[in-house]
């Protein structure tokens, strides 16, 4: 979570250098965990929002026995990015809670499940452009419908952190 919410990821705005860095980092994590890319060409499934191209990241853990049934474990990788502010002010929306926490949980759970004999194929999906109107998940849903993918369950993780609130009177 601390890696993805670091200033060097520039708030993970779709189409930004920071989002590209986040996608590359997630791809490396999945590869190191032994989670294969879903697509023959790799983990990335491109989509456009206006003139910005961004990517959902999709990995797969195959079921122990051949099946056409799937479970999706997902979170959104993107966040708000950066804004122009007053000089010296923090202008990066890091998104630790929204949603680096969900991404970290998905990656951790998927890494653990990799070593088990699964009954269903497990899609590990990290969406982009969710903060722009749920575009990544809509793109994925349309793709799955066209492919007639046998999706049984979706487990989506969102904002697992906690915000700090000072005690009353402090």
N, C-alpha and C. Protein backbone atom coordinates (compact mmCIF):
# COMPACT_ATOMS: atom_id res chain seq x y z
N UNK A 1 0.83 -1.18 0.00
CA UNK A 1 0.00 0.00 0.00
C UNK A 1 0.88 1.25 0.00
N UNK A 2 1.93 1.23 0.80
CA UNK A 2 2.80 2.41 0.86
C UNK A 2 3.53 2.63 -0.45
N UNK A 3 3.83 1.57 -1.18
CA UNK A 3 4.50 1.72 -2.47
C UNK A 3 3.58 2.45 -3.45
N UNK A 4 2.35 1.94 -3.61
CA UNK A 4 1.43 2.51 -4.59
C UNK A 4 0.97 3.92 -4.24
N UNK A 5 1.00 4.27 -2.97
CA UNK A 5 0.57 5.62 -2.58
C UNK A 5 1.75 6.58 -2.41
N UNK A 6 2.93 6.15 -2.81
CA UNK A 6 4.11 7.01 -2.75
C UNK A 6 3.97 8.16 -3.76
N UNK A 7 4.56 9.30 -3.44
CA UNK A 7 4.51 10.46 -4.33
C UNK A 7 5.03 10.15 -5.73
N UNK A 8 5.95 9.21 -5.86
CA UNK A 8 6.53 8.90 -7.17
C UNK A 8 5.49 8.32 -8.14
N UNK A 9 4.35 7.85 -7.63
CA UNK A 9 3.28 7.31 -8.47
C UNK A 9 2.29 8.40 -8.86
N UNK A 10 2.53 9.63 -8.44
CA UNK A 10 1.78 10.81 -8.87
C UNK A 10 0.27 10.67 -8.75
N UNK A 11 -0.21 9.92 -7.77
CA UNK A 11 -1.65 9.76 -7.57
C UNK A 11 -2.33 8.84 -8.55
N UNK A 12 -1.59 8.15 -9.41
CA UNK A 12 -2.10 7.12 -10.31
C UNK A 12 -3.27 7.57 -11.18
N UNK A 13 -3.21 8.78 -11.69
CA UNK A 13 -4.25 9.25 -12.61
C UNK A 13 -4.16 8.51 -13.94
N UNK A 14 -5.30 8.09 -14.51
CA UNK A 14 -5.27 7.38 -15.78
C UNK A 14 -4.49 8.15 -16.85
N UNK A 15 -3.64 7.45 -17.58
CA UNK A 15 -2.85 8.06 -18.64
C UNK A 15 -1.60 8.78 -18.17
N UNK A 16 -1.38 8.86 -16.87
CA UNK A 16 -0.22 9.58 -16.34
C UNK A 16 1.00 8.66 -16.27
N UNK A 17 2.16 9.29 -16.15
CA UNK A 17 3.40 8.52 -15.95
C UNK A 17 3.31 7.72 -14.65
N UNK A 18 2.66 8.28 -13.64
CA UNK A 18 2.50 7.57 -12.37
C UNK A 18 1.64 6.33 -12.51
N UNK A 19 0.60 6.40 -13.33
CA UNK A 19 -0.25 5.22 -13.57
C UNK A 19 0.53 4.16 -14.34
N UNK A 20 1.31 4.59 -15.31
CA UNK A 20 2.16 3.65 -16.05
C UNK A 20 3.12 2.94 -15.09
N UNK A 21 3.69 3.70 -14.17
CA UNK A 21 4.60 3.12 -13.17
C UNK A 21 3.87 2.13 -12.28
N UNK A 22 2.62 2.44 -11.90
CA UNK A 22 1.82 1.54 -11.06
C UNK A 22 1.48 0.26 -11.81
N UNK A 23 1.08 0.38 -13.07
CA UNK A 23 0.75 -0.80 -13.87
C UNK A 23 1.99 -1.69 -14.02
N UNK A 24 3.12 -1.10 -14.30
CA UNK A 24 4.37 -1.86 -14.44
C UNK A 24 4.73 -2.55 -13.13
N UNK A 25 4.55 -1.85 -12.01
CA UNK A 25 4.86 -2.44 -10.71
C UNK A 25 3.94 -3.64 -10.43
N UNK A 26 2.64 -3.48 -10.71
CA UNK A 26 1.68 -4.58 -10.48
C UNK A 26 2.00 -5.77 -11.39
N UNK A 27 2.33 -5.51 -12.64
CA UNK A 27 2.70 -6.60 -13.55
C UNK A 27 3.89 -7.39 -13.00
N UNK A 28 4.87 -6.68 -12.50
CA UNK A 28 6.05 -7.33 -11.93
C UNK A 28 5.68 -8.15 -10.69
N UNK A 29 4.81 -7.60 -9.85
CA UNK A 29 4.36 -8.31 -8.65
C UNK A 29 3.66 -9.61 -9.05
N UNK A 30 2.73 -9.53 -10.00
CA UNK A 30 2.00 -10.72 -10.43
C UNK A 30 2.95 -11.77 -11.01
N UNK A 31 3.87 -11.32 -11.84
CA UNK A 31 4.84 -12.25 -12.44
C UNK A 31 5.67 -12.93 -11.36
N UNK A 32 6.18 -12.15 -10.40
CA UNK A 32 6.99 -12.71 -9.31
C UNK A 32 6.18 -13.68 -8.44
N UNK A 33 4.87 -13.45 -8.33
CA UNK A 33 4.00 -14.33 -7.53
C UNK A 33 3.59 -15.58 -8.30
N UNK A 34 3.96 -15.67 -9.58
CA UNK A 34 3.61 -16.83 -10.38
C UNK A 34 2.19 -16.79 -10.91
N UNK A 35 1.60 -15.59 -10.97
CA UNK A 35 0.25 -15.43 -11.49
C UNK A 35 0.37 -15.01 -12.96
N UNK A 36 -0.15 -15.84 -13.83
CA UNK A 36 0.02 -15.65 -15.26
C UNK A 36 -0.85 -14.51 -15.79
N UNK A 37 -0.42 -13.88 -16.89
CA UNK A 37 -1.30 -12.91 -17.54
C UNK A 37 -2.50 -13.64 -18.15
N UNK A 38 -3.65 -13.01 -18.13
CA UNK A 38 -4.84 -13.62 -18.73
C UNK A 38 -4.73 -13.63 -20.25
N UNK A 39 -4.23 -12.55 -20.81
CA UNK A 39 -4.17 -12.40 -22.26
C UNK A 39 -2.86 -12.96 -22.80
N UNK A 40 -2.89 -13.45 -24.02
CA UNK A 40 -1.67 -13.97 -24.65
C UNK A 40 -0.60 -12.89 -24.76
N UNK A 41 -1.00 -11.64 -24.94
CA UNK A 41 -0.06 -10.54 -25.12
C UNK A 41 0.42 -9.93 -23.81
N UNK A 42 -0.10 -10.40 -22.68
CA UNK A 42 0.34 -9.88 -21.39
C UNK A 42 -0.82 -9.56 -20.47
N UNK A 43 -0.52 -8.80 -19.43
CA UNK A 43 -1.51 -8.49 -18.39
C UNK A 43 -2.45 -7.34 -18.77
N UNK A 44 -2.06 -6.49 -19.71
CA UNK A 44 -2.78 -5.25 -19.97
C UNK A 44 -3.97 -5.42 -20.92
N UNK A 45 -5.08 -4.81 -20.52
CA UNK A 45 -6.26 -4.70 -21.37
C UNK A 45 -6.53 -3.20 -21.52
N UNK A 46 -6.25 -2.67 -22.69
CA UNK A 46 -6.33 -1.22 -22.87
C UNK A 46 -7.76 -0.74 -23.07
N UNK A 47 -7.99 0.48 -22.58
CA UNK A 47 -9.26 1.16 -22.78
C UNK A 47 -8.97 2.65 -22.88
N UNK A 48 -9.90 3.38 -23.45
CA UNK A 48 -9.71 4.82 -23.64
C UNK A 48 -10.78 5.60 -22.90
N UNK A 49 -10.37 6.73 -22.37
CA UNK A 49 -11.28 7.70 -21.81
C UNK A 49 -10.93 9.03 -22.44
N UNK A 50 -11.78 9.48 -23.35
CA UNK A 50 -11.43 10.66 -24.12
C UNK A 50 -10.22 10.33 -24.98
N UNK A 51 -9.18 11.15 -24.89
CA UNK A 51 -7.95 10.90 -25.65
C UNK A 51 -6.87 10.23 -24.80
N UNK A 52 -7.25 9.70 -23.64
CA UNK A 52 -6.30 9.04 -22.73
C UNK A 52 -6.46 7.53 -22.85
N UNK A 53 -5.34 6.85 -23.07
CA UNK A 53 -5.33 5.38 -23.08
C UNK A 53 -4.80 4.92 -21.73
N UNK A 54 -5.49 3.98 -21.13
CA UNK A 54 -5.08 3.43 -19.84
C UNK A 54 -5.33 1.92 -19.88
N UNK A 55 -5.05 1.24 -18.78
CA UNK A 55 -5.08 -0.22 -18.79
C UNK A 55 -5.72 -0.80 -17.55
N UNK A 56 -6.57 -1.81 -17.73
CA UNK A 56 -6.89 -2.75 -16.67
C UNK A 56 -5.76 -3.77 -16.67
N UNK A 57 -5.44 -4.30 -15.52
CA UNK A 57 -4.42 -5.34 -15.39
C UNK A 57 -5.16 -6.63 -15.02
N UNK A 58 -4.92 -7.70 -15.80
CA UNK A 58 -5.69 -8.94 -15.61
C UNK A 58 -4.75 -10.14 -15.58
N UNK A 59 -4.77 -10.84 -14.46
CA UNK A 59 -4.02 -12.07 -14.31
C UNK A 59 -4.98 -13.22 -14.07
N UNK A 60 -4.48 -14.43 -14.14
CA UNK A 60 -5.32 -15.60 -13.91
C UNK A 60 -4.57 -16.66 -13.12
N UNK A 61 -5.29 -17.26 -12.20
CA UNK A 61 -4.83 -18.46 -11.50
C UNK A 61 -5.79 -19.56 -11.94
N UNK A 62 -5.32 -20.49 -12.75
CA UNK A 62 -6.21 -21.54 -13.26
C UNK A 62 -6.71 -22.46 -12.15
N UNK A 63 -7.91 -22.97 -12.35
CA UNK A 63 -8.47 -23.95 -11.43
C UNK A 63 -7.62 -25.23 -11.47
N UNK A 64 -7.72 -26.03 -10.42
CA UNK A 64 -6.96 -27.27 -10.34
C UNK A 64 -7.36 -28.24 -11.44
N UNK A 65 -8.63 -28.22 -11.80
CA UNK A 65 -9.12 -29.07 -12.89
C UNK A 65 -9.81 -28.18 -13.92
N UNK A 66 -9.78 -28.60 -15.17
CA UNK A 66 -10.35 -27.83 -16.27
C UNK A 66 -11.81 -27.43 -15.97
N UNK A 67 -12.10 -26.15 -16.09
CA UNK A 67 -13.47 -25.65 -15.91
C UNK A 67 -13.64 -24.35 -16.69
N UNK A 68 -14.87 -24.03 -17.03
CA UNK A 68 -15.15 -22.76 -17.69
C UNK A 68 -15.82 -21.78 -16.72
N UNK A 69 -15.64 -22.03 -15.43
CA UNK A 69 -16.22 -21.17 -14.39
C UNK A 69 -15.13 -20.30 -13.78
N UNK A 70 -15.50 -19.05 -13.47
CA UNK A 70 -14.55 -18.06 -12.99
C UNK A 70 -15.06 -17.33 -11.77
N UNK A 71 -14.11 -16.90 -10.94
CA UNK A 71 -14.34 -15.95 -9.85
C UNK A 71 -13.41 -14.78 -10.13
N UNK A 72 -13.89 -13.58 -9.88
CA UNK A 72 -13.05 -12.39 -10.06
C UNK A 72 -12.75 -11.78 -8.71
N UNK A 73 -11.48 -11.51 -8.48
CA UNK A 73 -11.01 -10.78 -7.30
C UNK A 73 -10.46 -9.47 -7.84
N UNK A 74 -11.05 -8.34 -7.41
CA UNK A 74 -10.70 -7.08 -8.05
C UNK A 74 -10.61 -5.90 -7.09
N UNK A 75 -10.01 -4.83 -7.61
CA UNK A 75 -9.92 -3.53 -6.94
C UNK A 75 -9.58 -2.52 -8.03
N UNK A 76 -9.70 -1.25 -7.72
CA UNK A 76 -9.29 -0.27 -8.73
C UNK A 76 -7.92 0.30 -8.39
N UNK A 77 -7.09 0.35 -9.42
CA UNK A 77 -5.70 0.77 -9.29
C UNK A 77 -5.55 2.28 -9.40
N UNK A 78 -6.44 2.92 -10.12
CA UNK A 78 -6.31 4.35 -10.36
C UNK A 78 -6.74 5.19 -9.16
N UNK A 79 -6.34 6.45 -9.18
CA UNK A 79 -6.84 7.44 -8.23
C UNK A 79 -6.92 8.78 -8.95
N UNK A 80 -6.98 9.85 -8.24
CA UNK A 80 -7.26 11.17 -8.81
C UNK A 80 -6.08 11.85 -9.47
N UNK A 81 -4.86 11.40 -9.21
CA UNK A 81 -3.69 12.01 -9.83
C UNK A 81 -3.23 13.26 -9.10
N UNK A 82 -2.93 14.29 -9.86
CA UNK A 82 -2.41 15.54 -9.30
C UNK A 82 -3.27 16.72 -9.73
N UNK A 83 -3.16 17.81 -8.97
CA UNK A 83 -3.82 19.06 -9.32
C UNK A 83 -2.81 20.19 -9.15
N UNK A 84 -3.05 21.26 -9.84
CA UNK A 84 -2.20 22.43 -9.68
C UNK A 84 -2.67 23.17 -8.43
N UNK A 85 -1.75 23.45 -7.56
CA UNK A 85 -2.08 24.14 -6.32
C UNK A 85 -1.12 25.28 -6.05
N UNK A 86 -1.24 25.82 -4.89
CA UNK A 86 -0.33 26.89 -4.49
C UNK A 86 1.08 26.34 -4.39
N UNK A 87 2.07 27.15 -4.75
CA UNK A 87 3.46 26.68 -4.64
C UNK A 87 3.75 26.21 -3.21
N UNK A 88 4.40 25.07 -3.13
CA UNK A 88 4.76 24.51 -1.83
C UNK A 88 3.67 23.66 -1.20
N UNK A 89 2.47 23.65 -1.79
CA UNK A 89 1.39 22.82 -1.23
C UNK A 89 1.45 21.42 -1.83
N UNK A 90 0.89 20.45 -1.12
CA UNK A 90 0.84 19.08 -1.61
C UNK A 90 -0.24 19.01 -2.69
N UNK A 91 0.13 18.64 -3.87
CA UNK A 91 -0.81 18.60 -4.99
C UNK A 91 -1.03 17.18 -5.52
N UNK A 92 -0.54 16.18 -4.79
CA UNK A 92 -0.69 14.79 -5.22
C UNK A 92 -1.79 14.13 -4.38
N UNK A 93 -2.77 13.56 -5.06
CA UNK A 93 -3.79 12.77 -4.39
C UNK A 93 -3.30 11.32 -4.36
N UNK A 94 -2.61 10.93 -3.30
CA UNK A 94 -1.91 9.65 -3.24
C UNK A 94 -2.83 8.44 -3.22
N UNK A 95 -3.97 8.53 -2.60
CA UNK A 95 -4.93 7.44 -2.63
C UNK A 95 -4.51 6.19 -1.89
N UNK A 96 -3.93 6.36 -0.70
CA UNK A 96 -3.56 5.18 0.09
C UNK A 96 -4.80 4.36 0.42
N UNK A 97 -5.83 5.02 0.92
CA UNK A 97 -7.06 4.34 1.27
C UNK A 97 -7.92 4.09 0.03
N UNK A 98 -7.83 4.94 -0.95
CA UNK A 98 -8.67 4.87 -2.14
C UNK A 98 -7.78 4.81 -3.38
N UNK A 99 -7.28 3.71 -3.79
CA UNK A 99 -7.59 2.38 -3.33
C UNK A 99 -6.33 1.52 -3.33
N UNK A 100 -5.20 2.12 -2.97
CA UNK A 100 -3.98 1.32 -2.82
C UNK A 100 -4.19 0.21 -1.79
N UNK A 101 -5.05 0.46 -0.80
CA UNK A 101 -5.34 -0.56 0.21
C UNK A 101 -6.04 -1.76 -0.41
N UNK A 102 -7.01 -1.52 -1.29
CA UNK A 102 -7.71 -2.62 -1.96
C UNK A 102 -6.80 -3.39 -2.90
N UNK A 103 -5.94 -2.68 -3.62
CA UNK A 103 -4.99 -3.33 -4.52
C UNK A 103 -4.03 -4.21 -3.73
N UNK A 104 -3.51 -3.68 -2.62
CA UNK A 104 -2.59 -4.46 -1.78
C UNK A 104 -3.27 -5.72 -1.27
N UNK A 105 -4.52 -5.61 -0.87
CA UNK A 105 -5.25 -6.78 -0.37
C UNK A 105 -5.47 -7.80 -1.49
N UNK A 106 -5.86 -7.35 -2.67
CA UNK A 106 -6.06 -8.26 -3.80
C UNK A 106 -4.77 -9.00 -4.12
N UNK A 107 -3.66 -8.28 -4.19
CA UNK A 107 -2.38 -8.92 -4.51
C UNK A 107 -1.96 -9.92 -3.43
N UNK A 108 -2.17 -9.57 -2.18
CA UNK A 108 -1.82 -10.47 -1.08
C UNK A 108 -2.70 -11.74 -1.10
N UNK A 109 -3.99 -11.56 -1.28
CA UNK A 109 -4.91 -12.70 -1.32
C UNK A 109 -4.59 -13.60 -2.51
N UNK A 110 -4.38 -12.99 -3.67
CA UNK A 110 -4.08 -13.78 -4.87
C UNK A 110 -2.78 -14.57 -4.70
N UNK A 111 -1.78 -13.95 -4.09
CA UNK A 111 -0.51 -14.65 -3.86
C UNK A 111 -0.71 -15.87 -2.97
N UNK A 112 -1.57 -15.75 -1.98
CA UNK A 112 -1.87 -16.88 -1.09
C UNK A 112 -2.67 -17.95 -1.82
N UNK A 113 -3.68 -17.54 -2.58
CA UNK A 113 -4.52 -18.50 -3.29
C UNK A 113 -3.77 -19.25 -4.38
N UNK A 114 -2.70 -18.67 -4.87
CA UNK A 114 -1.90 -19.30 -5.93
C UNK A 114 -1.43 -20.69 -5.52
N UNK A 115 -1.20 -20.90 -4.26
CA UNK A 115 -0.66 -22.18 -3.79
C UNK A 115 -1.76 -23.22 -3.48
N UNK A 116 -3.01 -22.86 -3.65
CA UNK A 116 -4.11 -23.77 -3.34
C UNK A 116 -4.70 -24.40 -4.60
N UNK A 117 -5.39 -25.50 -4.42
CA UNK A 117 -6.11 -26.14 -5.52
C UNK A 117 -7.50 -25.49 -5.60
N UNK A 118 -7.66 -24.62 -6.56
CA UNK A 118 -8.92 -23.87 -6.68
C UNK A 118 -9.94 -24.61 -7.53
N UNK A 119 -11.20 -24.45 -7.15
CA UNK A 119 -12.31 -25.07 -7.87
C UNK A 119 -12.68 -24.27 -9.12
N UNK A 120 -12.48 -22.96 -9.06
CA UNK A 120 -12.78 -22.06 -10.17
C UNK A 120 -11.49 -21.42 -10.66
N UNK A 121 -11.49 -20.95 -11.90
CA UNK A 121 -10.42 -20.09 -12.39
C UNK A 121 -10.55 -18.76 -11.66
N UNK A 122 -9.46 -18.22 -11.19
CA UNK A 122 -9.50 -16.94 -10.47
C UNK A 122 -8.91 -15.84 -11.34
N UNK A 123 -9.75 -14.88 -11.72
CA UNK A 123 -9.28 -13.69 -12.42
C UNK A 123 -8.85 -12.66 -11.38
N UNK A 124 -7.65 -12.16 -11.49
CA UNK A 124 -7.14 -11.10 -10.63
C UNK A 124 -7.17 -9.84 -11.48
N UNK A 125 -8.07 -8.91 -11.15
CA UNK A 125 -8.31 -7.75 -12.01
C UNK A 125 -8.12 -6.46 -11.23
N UNK A 126 -7.30 -5.58 -11.78
CA UNK A 126 -7.10 -4.25 -11.22
C UNK A 126 -7.55 -3.25 -12.27
N UNK A 127 -8.63 -2.54 -11.95
CA UNK A 127 -9.26 -1.64 -12.90
C UNK A 127 -8.58 -0.29 -12.95
N UNK A 128 -8.68 0.35 -14.10
CA UNK A 128 -8.27 1.74 -14.27
C UNK A 128 -9.50 2.56 -14.62
N UNK A 129 -9.37 3.86 -14.51
CA UNK A 129 -10.42 4.82 -14.88
C UNK A 129 -11.71 4.62 -14.09
N UNK A 130 -11.62 4.09 -12.89
CA UNK A 130 -12.81 3.96 -12.04
C UNK A 130 -13.20 5.31 -11.46
N UNK A 131 -12.20 6.12 -11.12
CA UNK A 131 -12.49 7.46 -10.59
C UNK A 131 -13.03 8.38 -11.68
N UNK A 132 -12.93 7.95 -12.94
CA UNK A 132 -13.42 8.73 -14.08
C UNK A 132 -14.82 8.30 -14.50
N UNK A 133 -15.48 7.50 -13.68
CA UNK A 133 -16.83 7.06 -13.99
C UNK A 133 -16.98 5.56 -14.17
N UNK A 134 -16.20 4.78 -13.43
CA UNK A 134 -16.28 3.31 -13.46
C UNK A 134 -16.01 2.73 -14.85
N UNK A 135 -15.14 3.38 -15.60
CA UNK A 135 -14.90 2.99 -16.99
C UNK A 135 -14.17 1.66 -17.12
N UNK A 136 -13.21 1.40 -16.25
CA UNK A 136 -12.47 0.14 -16.34
C UNK A 136 -13.34 -1.08 -16.08
N UNK A 137 -14.17 -1.01 -15.06
CA UNK A 137 -15.04 -2.15 -14.76
C UNK A 137 -16.12 -2.31 -15.82
N UNK A 138 -16.63 -1.21 -16.37
CA UNK A 138 -17.61 -1.30 -17.46
C UNK A 138 -16.98 -1.94 -18.69
N UNK A 139 -15.75 -1.54 -19.00
CA UNK A 139 -15.02 -2.12 -20.12
C UNK A 139 -14.86 -3.62 -19.92
N UNK A 140 -14.48 -4.02 -18.73
CA UNK A 140 -14.28 -5.44 -18.43
C UNK A 140 -15.60 -6.20 -18.49
N UNK A 141 -16.67 -5.62 -17.98
CA UNK A 141 -17.98 -6.28 -18.00
C UNK A 141 -18.45 -6.50 -19.44
N UNK A 142 -18.27 -5.52 -20.30
CA UNK A 142 -18.65 -5.67 -21.71
C UNK A 142 -17.84 -6.76 -22.38
N UNK A 143 -16.53 -6.78 -22.09
CA UNK A 143 -15.65 -7.79 -22.66
C UNK A 143 -16.08 -9.18 -22.21
N UNK A 144 -16.38 -9.35 -20.92
CA UNK A 144 -16.78 -10.66 -20.39
C UNK A 144 -18.12 -11.10 -20.98
N UNK A 145 -19.03 -10.15 -21.19
CA UNK A 145 -20.33 -10.48 -21.79
C UNK A 145 -20.15 -10.96 -23.23
N UNK A 146 -19.32 -10.25 -23.99
CA UNK A 146 -19.06 -10.65 -25.38
C UNK A 146 -18.42 -12.03 -25.44
N UNK A 147 -17.55 -12.32 -24.50
CA UNK A 147 -16.84 -13.61 -24.47
C UNK A 147 -17.71 -14.71 -23.84
N UNK A 148 -18.83 -14.31 -23.23
CA UNK A 148 -19.72 -15.23 -22.51
C UNK A 148 -18.94 -16.01 -21.45
N UNK A 149 -18.13 -15.26 -20.69
CA UNK A 149 -17.31 -15.84 -19.64
C UNK A 149 -18.20 -16.33 -18.50
N UNK A 150 -17.96 -17.53 -18.01
CA UNK A 150 -18.77 -18.12 -16.94
C UNK A 150 -18.40 -17.57 -15.58
N UNK A 151 -18.73 -16.31 -15.35
CA UNK A 151 -18.38 -15.65 -14.09
C UNK A 151 -19.40 -16.00 -13.01
N UNK A 152 -18.93 -16.63 -11.95
CA UNK A 152 -19.81 -17.07 -10.86
C UNK A 152 -19.89 -16.04 -9.73
N UNK A 153 -18.74 -15.45 -9.37
CA UNK A 153 -18.68 -14.52 -8.24
C UNK A 153 -17.70 -13.39 -8.55
N UNK A 154 -17.97 -12.23 -7.95
CA UNK A 154 -17.04 -11.11 -7.98
C UNK A 154 -16.81 -10.65 -6.55
N UNK A 155 -15.56 -10.55 -6.18
CA UNK A 155 -15.18 -10.00 -4.87
C UNK A 155 -14.35 -8.76 -5.16
N UNK A 156 -14.93 -7.59 -4.90
CA UNK A 156 -14.26 -6.32 -5.18
C UNK A 156 -13.89 -5.66 -3.86
N UNK A 157 -12.64 -5.28 -3.73
CA UNK A 157 -12.15 -4.68 -2.49
C UNK A 157 -11.92 -3.19 -2.69
N UNK A 158 -12.47 -2.40 -1.78
CA UNK A 158 -12.45 -0.94 -1.91
C UNK A 158 -12.23 -0.29 -0.56
N UNK A 159 -11.25 0.57 -0.49
CA UNK A 159 -11.01 1.42 0.68
C UNK A 159 -11.00 0.63 2.00
N UNK A 160 -9.96 -0.16 2.17
CA UNK A 160 -9.85 -1.00 3.36
C UNK A 160 -9.14 -0.33 4.52
N UNK A 161 -8.56 0.84 4.29
CA UNK A 161 -7.85 1.55 5.34
C UNK A 161 -8.83 2.26 6.27
N UNK A 162 -8.27 2.98 7.20
CA UNK A 162 -9.09 3.75 8.13
C UNK A 162 -8.59 5.18 8.12
N UNK A 163 -9.52 6.10 8.18
CA UNK A 163 -9.11 7.50 8.26
C UNK A 163 -8.91 7.88 9.70
N UNK A 164 -8.03 8.84 9.91
CA UNK A 164 -7.73 9.31 11.25
C UNK A 164 -8.73 10.40 11.61
N UNK A 165 -9.33 10.25 12.74
CA UNK A 165 -10.22 11.30 13.25
C UNK A 165 -9.80 11.56 14.69
N UNK A 166 -9.43 12.79 15.01
CA UNK A 166 -9.03 13.07 16.39
C UNK A 166 -10.20 12.89 17.35
N UNK A 167 -9.87 12.55 18.56
CA UNK A 167 -10.91 12.41 19.59
C UNK A 167 -11.63 13.74 19.78
N UNK A 168 -12.90 13.70 20.13
CA UNK A 168 -13.64 14.94 20.35
C UNK A 168 -12.92 15.87 21.35
N UNK A 169 -12.87 17.14 21.02
CA UNK A 169 -12.24 18.12 21.90
C UNK A 169 -10.75 18.23 21.72
N UNK A 170 -10.16 17.53 20.78
CA UNK A 170 -8.70 17.58 20.59
C UNK A 170 -8.35 18.25 19.30
